[in-house]
Amino acid sequence: MTQRGVRRVVVVGGGIAGPVLGMFLQRLGVEATIFEARAAPLEQEGAFLGVAPNGMNVLADLGIADAVQARGAVCDGIQFENARGRRIGVIDQRDAARRFGAGLVMIRRGALHAALAEEAARRGVAIRYGMRLEGVDCSDPREVVARFEGGGEARGDVLIGCDGVRSRTRAAALPGAPAPGYTGLIDFGGFARCPGAPLQPGWSVMVFGRRAFFGAFAAPEGEVWWFHNSGEPAPEGAAAPGPLRERILALHEGDPGWIADVVRATPEVLGPWLLHDILTMPRWHAGRVCLIGDAAHAATPHAGQGASLAMEDGMLLARCLRDEPEPERAFAAFERLRRPRVEAIVRQARRNGSRKAVSGPVAGWLRDRALPLFLRIGAAAQERAHAYRIDWEERIA
């Protein structure tokens, strides 16, 4: 338990990083209150994601890995195919627990949010919903004040922004920070029952199609969880134009036929989500305010690390606040320790995404020739990411 320094923490954002940070702070005897813009937890919202072994190890340190895994499914491996359906690479995950201490777990995003929020609340971390940040007041050198739409406010020794790629905390506390950049890829997804799809239970299949990319995971009880990436200019409005299902089917014309079967069997196509990232920012903190997770270093899904990096952030920031009682020095230590790892993964994710959509047949032919090499490089980067582990007992130098 900390003997001095930070005692009250305002946490803005209740998705992934916020509850994990709150639980580690609770372990230290620090009062943390999470303020979430959503009106209530929605377990069925959004698509799905993978919690990598390094993220599962953070949850294991909290004693909640089993509770999270129970709401998802372990991924035994990933098979990569070209547009003709020929296998070009495999990453076998079946021995991940032995090599990394945990496996790769696929889970619906809403289910992960709900599991983390429930565990945090059970441990006494307060979560207040319907609290959308309006501004941050740092005029008092002794504390920071968060102000919310509708007139509410919260005071703390520090404020941690865990509010995602479109972070209001970032806009309020670091107004000169660069905006997230659109990567040129749009994401769609869905959940379907398609018994005829040639998918092995517990495995993911990733298809580098002629014009777009398609990924599918054969989840328990026969459900197929899928996503689609295509390269497109950012639409003018919030949503991409045209019927979504027909657009996806057209982009995968000539690709393996089971892709169209899965898309047609999907009751509701989710999206579109425009994929943004933050390659780097000059700083992640200002005064008594610090950003973590996607608010500081948003990565696209192409490296499979966004959720796990957010969990690592929560654990390491709590450790820095434990060991360094002055907030700004704790934040500086956190940024120094985290920046090299997370920015390398953000860059890797962007490189991975750049191979998912091609501009024409010649570009596709060249990409397919180079894919085996790219996959080997990507697998090595994945090994390094999965092997990373934070030691809670280690002191911050």
Protein backbone atom coordinates (compact mmCIF):
# COMPACT_ATOMS: atom_id res chain seq x y z
CA MET A 1 0.00 0.00 0.00
CA THR A 2 1.24 3.50 -0.78
CA GLN A 3 2.25 5.52 2.27
CA ARG A 4 2.01 8.94 0.65
CA GLY A 5 1.37 10.56 -2.69
CA VAL A 6 -1.68 9.70 -4.78
CA ARG A 7 -4.74 8.68 -2.77
CA ARG A 8 -7.69 9.59 -5.03
CA VAL A 9 -7.78 8.83 -8.75
CA VAL A 10 -10.38 9.94 -11.28
CA VAL A 11 -10.49 7.42 -14.14
CA VAL A 12 -12.25 8.54 -17.33
CA GLY A 13 -13.35 5.55 -19.39
CA GLY A 14 -14.72 2.19 -18.29
CA GLY A 15 -13.86 -0.05 -21.24
CA ILE A 16 -10.66 -2.09 -20.76
CA ALA A 17 -7.80 -0.01 -19.35
CA GLY A 18 -10.01 1.77 -16.80
CA PRO A 19 -11.27 -1.26 -14.85
CA VAL A 20 -7.85 -2.96 -14.95
CA LEU A 21 -6.18 0.18 -13.60
CA GLY A 22 -8.91 0.55 -10.98
CA MET A 23 -8.36 -3.00 -9.70
CA PHE A 24 -4.59 -2.56 -9.42
CA LEU A 25 -5.07 0.76 -7.62
CA GLN A 26 -7.56 -0.89 -5.27
CA ARG A 27 -4.84 -3.43 -4.45
CA LEU A 28 -2.69 -0.50 -3.31
CA GLY A 29 -5.40 1.00 -1.15
CA VAL A 30 -5.90 3.92 -3.55
CA GLU A 31 -9.45 5.18 -4.08
CA ALA A 32 -10.30 5.02 -7.79
CA THR A 33 -13.62 6.02 -9.32
CA ILE A 34 -14.36 5.22 -12.96
CA PHE A 35 -16.56 7.56 -15.00
CA GLU A 36 -18.00 5.99 -18.15
CA ALA A 37 -19.91 7.84 -20.87
CA ARG A 38 -22.18 4.91 -21.73
CA ALA A 39 -25.48 4.81 -19.87
CA ALA A 40 -25.00 1.16 -18.89
CA PRO A 41 -22.79 -1.82 -19.72
CA LEU A 42 -23.94 -3.48 -22.96
CA GLU A 43 -22.68 -7.05 -23.18
CA GLN A 44 -23.92 -7.55 -26.75
CA GLU A 45 -22.41 -4.36 -28.23
CA GLY A 46 -19.65 -4.31 -30.81
CA ALA A 47 -17.76 -7.09 -32.54
CA PHE A 48 -15.01 -9.26 -31.03
CA LEU A 49 -11.31 -9.16 -30.28
CA GLY A 50 -8.44 -11.29 -29.09
CA VAL A 51 -6.84 -10.99 -25.68
CA ALA A 52 -3.26 -12.09 -26.33
CA PRO A 53 -1.23 -14.15 -23.84
CA ASN A 54 0.49 -11.02 -22.48
CA GLY A 55 -2.92 -9.51 -21.74
CA MET A 56 -4.22 -12.71 -20.18
CA ASN A 57 -1.18 -12.72 -17.90
CA VAL A 58 -2.15 -9.27 -16.60
CA LEU A 59 -5.64 -10.62 -15.85
CA ALA A 60 -4.09 -13.67 -14.18
CA ASP A 61 -2.14 -11.36 -11.88
CA LEU A 62 -5.49 -9.85 -10.86
CA GLY A 63 -6.99 -13.32 -10.45
CA ILE A 64 -9.65 -12.81 -13.11
CA ALA A 65 -8.24 -14.60 -16.16
CA ASP A 66 -10.60 -17.56 -15.71
CA ALA A 67 -13.64 -15.27 -15.39
CA VAL A 68 -12.76 -13.55 -18.68
CA GLN A 69 -11.87 -16.75 -20.51
CA ALA A 70 -15.21 -18.28 -19.46
CA ARG A 71 -16.99 -15.64 -21.59
CA GLY A 72 -14.85 -16.31 -24.65
CA ALA A 73 -12.94 -19.16 -26.25
CA VAL A 74 -9.30 -20.13 -26.59
CA CYS A 75 -7.90 -19.80 -30.13
CA ASP A 76 -5.80 -22.84 -31.04
CA GLY A 77 -4.19 -21.24 -34.05
CA ILE A 78 -4.39 -19.03 -37.12
CA GLN A 79 -4.31 -20.23 -40.73
CA PHE A 80 -3.53 -17.81 -43.56
CA GLU A 81 -4.85 -18.30 -47.10
CA ASN A 82 -4.59 -16.48 -50.39
CA ALA A 83 -7.49 -15.53 -52.65
CA ARG A 84 -7.54 -19.01 -54.20
CA GLY A 85 -7.95 -20.66 -50.81
CA ARG A 86 -4.41 -22.02 -50.75
CA ARG A 87 -2.79 -22.15 -47.32
CA ILE A 88 0.29 -19.92 -47.14
CA GLY A 89 1.06 -19.99 -43.43
CA VAL A 90 0.02 -21.24 -39.99
CA ILE A 91 0.60 -19.95 -36.47
CA ASP A 92 -0.07 -22.76 -34.01
CA GLN A 93 -1.22 -21.45 -30.62
CA ARG A 94 -1.92 -24.77 -28.91
CA ASP A 95 1.25 -24.62 -26.80
CA ALA A 96 0.91 -20.90 -25.97
CA ALA A 97 0.12 -21.62 -22.32
CA ARG A 98 3.40 -23.50 -21.96
CA ARG A 99 5.48 -20.91 -23.80
CA PHE A 100 3.86 -17.70 -22.61
CA GLY A 101 1.91 -18.64 -19.47
CA ALA A 102 -1.47 -18.15 -21.15
CA GLY A 103 -3.30 -18.70 -24.42
CA LEU A 104 -4.95 -16.38 -26.93
CA VAL A 105 -8.60 -15.83 -25.98
CA MET A 106 -11.23 -14.62 -28.44
CA ILE A 107 -14.11 -12.74 -26.83
CA ARG A 108 -16.90 -10.38 -27.77
CA ARG A 109 -15.92 -6.83 -26.92
CA GLY A 110 -19.07 -6.19 -24.90
CA ALA A 111 -18.56 -9.40 -22.92
CA LEU A 112 -15.00 -8.35 -22.06
CA HIS A 113 -16.14 -4.90 -20.93
CA ALA A 114 -18.87 -6.45 -18.79
CA ALA A 115 -16.53 -9.01 -17.20
CA LEU A 116 -13.96 -6.36 -16.28
CA ALA A 117 -16.57 -3.95 -14.93
CA GLU A 118 -18.22 -6.65 -12.82
CA GLU A 119 -14.92 -7.76 -11.31
CA ALA A 120 -13.89 -4.18 -10.59
CA ALA A 121 -17.22 -3.40 -8.91
CA ARG A 122 -17.04 -6.61 -6.88
CA ARG A 123 -13.71 -5.44 -5.48
CA GLY A 124 -15.08 -2.06 -4.49
CA VAL A 125 -14.06 0.06 -7.46
CA ALA A 126 -16.88 2.54 -8.05
CA ILE A 127 -18.14 2.84 -11.65
CA ARG A 128 -20.50 5.67 -12.57
CA TYR A 129 -22.26 5.40 -15.92
CA GLY A 130 -23.74 8.16 -18.04
CA MET A 131 -20.83 10.49 -17.20
CA ARG A 132 -19.51 12.07 -20.41
CA LEU A 133 -16.45 14.24 -19.89
CA GLU A 134 -16.87 17.89 -20.80
CA GLY A 135 -13.63 19.43 -19.53
CA VAL A 136 -10.63 19.15 -17.23
CA ASP A 137 -9.60 21.85 -14.76
CA CYS A 138 -5.95 21.80 -13.69
CA SER A 139 -5.85 25.33 -12.26
CA ASP A 140 -5.36 24.13 -8.66
CA PRO A 141 -1.82 22.70 -8.31
CA ARG A 142 -3.02 20.38 -5.52
CA GLU A 143 -5.73 18.52 -7.45
CA VAL A 144 -7.46 18.04 -10.79
CA VAL A 145 -11.18 18.44 -11.49
CA ALA A 146 -13.13 16.56 -14.16
CA ARG A 147 -16.34 18.22 -15.29
CA PHE A 148 -19.09 16.24 -16.98
CA GLU A 149 -22.01 17.10 -19.22
CA GLY A 150 -25.02 18.02 -17.13
CA GLY A 151 -23.04 19.73 -14.39
CA GLY A 152 -21.39 16.90 -12.44
CA GLU A 153 -17.77 17.02 -11.39
CA ALA A 154 -15.14 14.83 -9.71
CA ARG A 155 -11.93 15.79 -7.91
CA GLY A 156 -8.80 13.72 -7.53
CA ASP A 157 -5.09 13.81 -6.96
CA VAL A 158 -4.70 12.68 -10.57
CA LEU A 159 -6.92 12.03 -13.58
CA ILE A 160 -6.24 9.12 -15.93
CA GLY A 161 -7.76 9.23 -19.42
CA CYS A 162 -8.72 5.73 -20.61
CA ASP A 163 -11.36 6.99 -23.02
CA GLY A 164 -10.20 5.56 -26.31
CA VAL A 165 -8.98 6.74 -29.67
CA ARG A 166 -11.37 9.74 -29.68
CA SER A 167 -10.33 10.68 -26.14
CA ARG A 168 -11.98 13.76 -24.68
CA THR A 169 -9.34 13.71 -21.96
CA ARG A 170 -6.62 14.08 -24.59
CA ALA A 171 -8.44 16.97 -26.25
CA ALA A 172 -8.93 18.75 -22.91
CA ALA A 173 -5.56 18.16 -21.21
CA LEU A 174 -3.20 17.99 -24.21
CA PRO A 175 -4.91 20.20 -26.80
CA GLY A 176 -1.84 20.28 -29.03
CA ALA A 177 -1.66 16.49 -29.34
CA PRO A 178 -1.88 15.12 -32.90
CA ALA A 179 -5.23 13.74 -33.93
CA PRO A 180 -5.55 10.01 -34.69
CA GLY A 181 -4.80 9.28 -38.33
CA TYR A 182 -7.11 7.36 -40.65
CA THR A 183 -5.18 4.37 -42.02
CA GLY A 184 -7.26 3.96 -45.17
CA LEU A 185 -8.95 0.74 -44.02
CA ILE A 186 -12.57 0.21 -43.04
CA ASP A 187 -13.69 -2.63 -40.78
CA PHE A 188 -16.97 -4.57 -40.78
CA GLY A 189 -17.94 -7.65 -38.80
CA GLY A 190 -20.65 -9.98 -37.66
CA PHE A 191 -21.73 -13.24 -36.09
CA ALA A 192 -23.28 -16.05 -38.13
CA ARG A 193 -24.29 -19.68 -38.09
CA CYS A 194 -22.97 -21.28 -41.24
CA PRO A 195 -22.57 -25.06 -40.81
CA GLY A 196 -21.11 -25.49 -44.29
CA ALA A 197 -18.15 -23.17 -43.74
CA PRO A 198 -14.87 -25.18 -43.82
CA LEU A 199 -13.66 -23.86 -40.48
CA GLN A 200 -12.04 -25.92 -37.75
CA PRO A 201 -13.48 -25.22 -34.27
CA GLY A 202 -11.14 -23.10 -32.20
CA TRP A 203 -9.15 -21.88 -35.22
CA SER A 204 -9.05 -18.58 -37.08
CA VAL A 205 -8.71 -18.34 -40.86
CA MET A 206 -7.35 -15.18 -42.46
CA VAL A 207 -7.85 -14.72 -46.20
CA PHE A 208 -5.87 -12.22 -48.28
CA GLY A 209 -8.52 -11.71 -50.94
CA ARG A 210 -8.26 -10.15 -54.37
CA ARG A 211 -9.63 -6.81 -53.22
CA ALA A 212 -10.19 -7.14 -49.45
CA PHE A 213 -9.26 -9.12 -46.36
CA PHE A 214 -11.51 -11.51 -44.45
CA GLY A 215 -10.98 -13.15 -41.07
CA ALA A 216 -13.17 -15.74 -39.35
CA PHE A 217 -13.02 -17.59 -36.03
CA ALA A 218 -14.94 -20.82 -35.48
CA ALA A 219 -16.33 -20.15 -32.01
CA PRO A 220 -17.90 -22.70 -29.67
CA GLU A 221 -21.41 -23.99 -30.37
CA GLY A 222 -21.03 -23.55 -34.12
CA GLU A 223 -21.01 -19.77 -34.40
CA VAL A 224 -18.68 -17.99 -36.84
CA TRP A 225 -17.22 -14.66 -35.73
CA TRP A 226 -15.92 -12.69 -38.69
CA PHE A 227 -14.48 -9.37 -39.81
CA HIS A 228 -13.72 -7.76 -43.16
CA ASN A 229 -11.17 -5.06 -44.01
CA SER A 230 -11.12 -3.09 -47.23
CA GLY A 231 -9.18 -0.07 -48.37
CA GLU A 232 -11.40 2.92 -49.02
CA PRO A 233 -11.32 6.72 -48.72
CA ALA A 234 -12.96 7.95 -45.54
CA PRO A 235 -16.68 8.54 -46.22
CA GLU A 236 -18.04 12.04 -45.81
CA GLY A 237 -20.56 11.09 -43.12
CA ALA A 238 -20.38 8.82 -40.08
CA ALA A 239 -21.33 5.75 -42.11
CA ALA A 240 -20.11 4.38 -45.38
CA PRO A 241 -22.67 4.66 -48.20
CA GLY A 242 -24.63 1.82 -49.75
CA PRO A 243 -25.94 -1.52 -48.54
CA LEU A 244 -23.21 -3.04 -46.39
CA ARG A 245 -23.76 -6.71 -47.17
CA GLU A 246 -23.77 -6.17 -50.92
CA ARG A 247 -20.58 -4.13 -50.78
CA ILE A 248 -18.77 -6.84 -48.84
CA LEU A 249 -19.99 -9.59 -51.17
CA ALA A 250 -18.84 -7.62 -54.22
CA LEU A 251 -15.38 -7.06 -52.74
CA HIS A 252 -14.97 -10.81 -52.13
CA GLU A 253 -16.23 -11.92 -55.53
CA GLY A 254 -13.76 -14.56 -56.77
CA ASP A 255 -12.45 -15.29 -53.26
CA PRO A 256 -13.22 -18.63 -51.50
CA GLY A 257 -16.97 -19.21 -51.71
CA TRP A 258 -17.50 -19.86 -48.02
CA ILE A 259 -16.84 -16.16 -47.31
CA ALA A 260 -20.00 -15.17 -49.17
CA ASP A 261 -21.91 -17.96 -47.41
CA VAL A 262 -20.90 -16.60 -43.99
CA VAL A 263 -21.75 -13.00 -44.92
CA ARG A 264 -25.16 -14.02 -46.27
CA ALA A 265 -25.87 -16.05 -43.11
CA THR A 266 -25.19 -13.05 -40.86
CA PRO A 267 -28.39 -11.54 -39.41
CA GLU A 268 -26.82 -8.11 -38.92
CA VAL A 269 -23.63 -6.76 -40.48
CA LEU A 270 -21.84 -4.57 -37.91
CA GLY A 271 -19.92 -1.43 -38.81
CA PRO A 272 -18.42 0.27 -40.57
CA TRP A 273 -15.58 1.29 -38.31
CA LEU A 274 -12.90 3.52 -39.81
CA LEU A 275 -9.54 2.31 -38.50
CA HIS A 276 -7.38 5.02 -36.96
CA ASP A 277 -4.09 4.89 -35.10
CA ILE A 278 -1.66 7.17 -33.28
CA LEU A 279 1.90 6.41 -34.36
CA THR A 280 3.39 8.74 -31.76
CA MET A 281 2.61 11.72 -29.53
CA PRO A 282 5.11 14.17 -28.04
CA ARG A 283 3.90 13.31 -24.54
CA TRP A 284 1.17 11.33 -22.81
CA HIS A 285 0.82 13.44 -19.68
CA ALA A 286 0.47 17.04 -18.53
CA GLY A 287 0.47 18.05 -14.88
CA ARG A 288 -1.82 15.71 -12.95
CA VAL A 289 -3.36 14.15 -16.07
CA CYS A 290 -2.08 11.06 -17.90
CA LEU A 291 -3.38 9.10 -20.88
CA ILE A 292 -3.23 5.32 -21.26
CA GLY A 293 -4.54 2.77 -23.74
CA ASP A 294 -5.87 3.96 -27.08
CA ALA A 295 -6.08 7.52 -25.77
CA ALA A 296 -2.25 7.60 -25.83
CA HIS A 297 -1.19 5.06 -28.46
CA ALA A 298 -4.14 3.75 -30.47
CA ALA A 299 -3.25 0.74 -32.61
CA THR A 300 -5.28 -0.82 -35.39
CA PRO A 301 -6.46 -4.41 -34.80
CA HIS A 302 -3.94 -5.84 -37.28
CA ALA A 303 -1.43 -6.82 -34.57
CA GLY A 304 -4.05 -8.25 -32.20
CA GLN A 305 -2.65 -6.24 -29.27
CA GLY A 306 -4.94 -3.28 -28.58
CA ALA A 307 -6.80 -4.77 -25.61
CA SER A 308 -3.69 -6.41 -24.17
CA LEU A 309 -1.64 -3.20 -24.37
CA ALA A 310 -4.42 -1.38 -22.49
CA MET A 311 -4.28 -4.03 -19.75
CA GLU A 312 -0.50 -3.75 -19.51
CA ASP A 313 -0.83 0.03 -19.27
CA GLY A 314 -3.18 -0.24 -16.31
CA MET A 315 -0.86 -2.59 -14.45
CA LEU A 316 2.33 -0.64 -15.12
CA LEU A 317 0.84 2.78 -14.35
CA ALA A 318 -0.41 1.51 -10.99
CA ARG A 319 3.08 0.21 -10.27
CA CYS A 320 4.60 3.60 -11.15
CA LEU A 321 2.13 5.41 -8.86
CA ARG A 322 3.01 2.93 -6.12
CA ASP A 323 6.74 3.53 -6.38
CA GLU A 324 6.89 7.23 -7.24
CA PRO A 325 4.68 9.44 -5.03
CA GLU A 326 5.01 12.56 -7.20
CA PRO A 327 2.42 12.23 -10.00
CA GLU A 328 4.42 13.90 -12.76
CA ARG A 329 7.47 11.78 -12.01
CA ALA A 330 5.30 8.64 -11.93
CA PHE A 331 3.79 9.58 -15.29
CA ALA A 332 7.22 10.28 -16.77
CA ALA A 333 8.46 6.86 -15.58
CA PHE A 334 5.39 5.18 -17.05
CA GLU A 335 5.88 6.86 -20.42
CA ARG A 336 9.60 6.07 -20.47
CA LEU A 337 8.95 2.39 -19.79
CA ARG A 338 6.01 2.00 -22.16
CA ARG A 339 6.72 4.13 -25.21
CA PRO A 340 9.26 1.87 -27.01
CA ARG A 341 7.08 -1.24 -26.75
CA VAL A 342 3.73 0.26 -27.67
CA GLU A 343 4.97 2.42 -30.54
CA ALA A 344 6.76 -0.57 -32.08
CA ILE A 345 3.50 -2.53 -31.98
CA VAL A 346 1.50 0.38 -33.44
CA ARG A 347 3.97 0.50 -36.36
CA GLN A 348 3.78 -3.27 -36.80
CA ALA A 349 -0.01 -3.11 -36.87
CA ARG A 350 0.07 -0.47 -39.58
CA ARG A 351 2.50 -2.54 -41.66
CA ASN A 352 0.28 -5.60 -41.27
CA GLY A 353 -2.76 -3.60 -42.36
CA SER A 354 -1.01 -2.25 -45.45
CA ARG A 355 -0.95 -5.78 -46.93
CA LYS A 356 -4.67 -6.42 -46.49
CA ALA A 357 -5.97 -4.43 -49.45
CA VAL A 358 -4.33 -4.07 -52.85
CA SER A 359 -4.91 -1.63 -55.68
CA GLY A 360 -5.09 -4.10 -58.56
CA PRO A 361 -4.13 -7.53 -59.96
CA VAL A 362 -0.43 -6.71 -60.34
CA ALA A 363 -0.18 -5.39 -56.78
CA GLY A 364 -2.05 -8.47 -55.60
CA TRP A 365 0.34 -10.80 -57.44
CA LEU A 366 3.36 -9.08 -55.92
CA ARG A 367 1.84 -9.13 -52.45
CA ASP A 368 1.03 -12.84 -52.65
CA ARG A 369 4.62 -13.65 -53.68
CA ALA A 370 5.93 -11.77 -50.64
CA LEU A 371 3.34 -13.00 -48.14
CA PRO A 372 5.31 -16.02 -46.83
CA LEU A 373 8.18 -13.70 -45.86
CA PHE A 374 5.81 -11.13 -44.35
CA LEU A 375 4.09 -13.84 -42.34
CA ARG A 376 7.39 -15.11 -40.94
CA ILE A 377 8.35 -11.59 -39.89
CA GLY A 378 4.90 -11.05 -38.40
CA ALA A 379 5.03 -14.34 -36.49
CA ALA A 380 8.38 -13.37 -34.95
CA ALA A 381 6.97 -9.99 -33.88
CA GLN A 382 3.95 -11.75 -32.40
CA GLU A 383 6.21 -14.09 -30.41
CA ARG A 384 8.00 -11.11 -28.89
CA ALA A 385 4.73 -9.36 -28.04
CA HIS A 386 3.22 -12.46 -26.43
CA ALA A 387 6.33 -13.21 -24.37
CA TYR A 388 6.33 -9.79 -22.66
CA ARG A 389 5.35 -9.91 -19.01
CA ILE A 390 5.19 -7.27 -16.27
CA ASP A 391 6.55 -8.17 -12.84
CA TRP A 392 4.29 -6.51 -10.27
CA GLU A 393 6.89 -6.89 -7.52
CA GLU A 394 9.65 -5.13 -9.47
CA ARG A 395 10.31 -1.58 -8.30
CA ILE A 396 10.44 1.39 -10.64
CA ALA A 397 14.04 2.59 -10.91
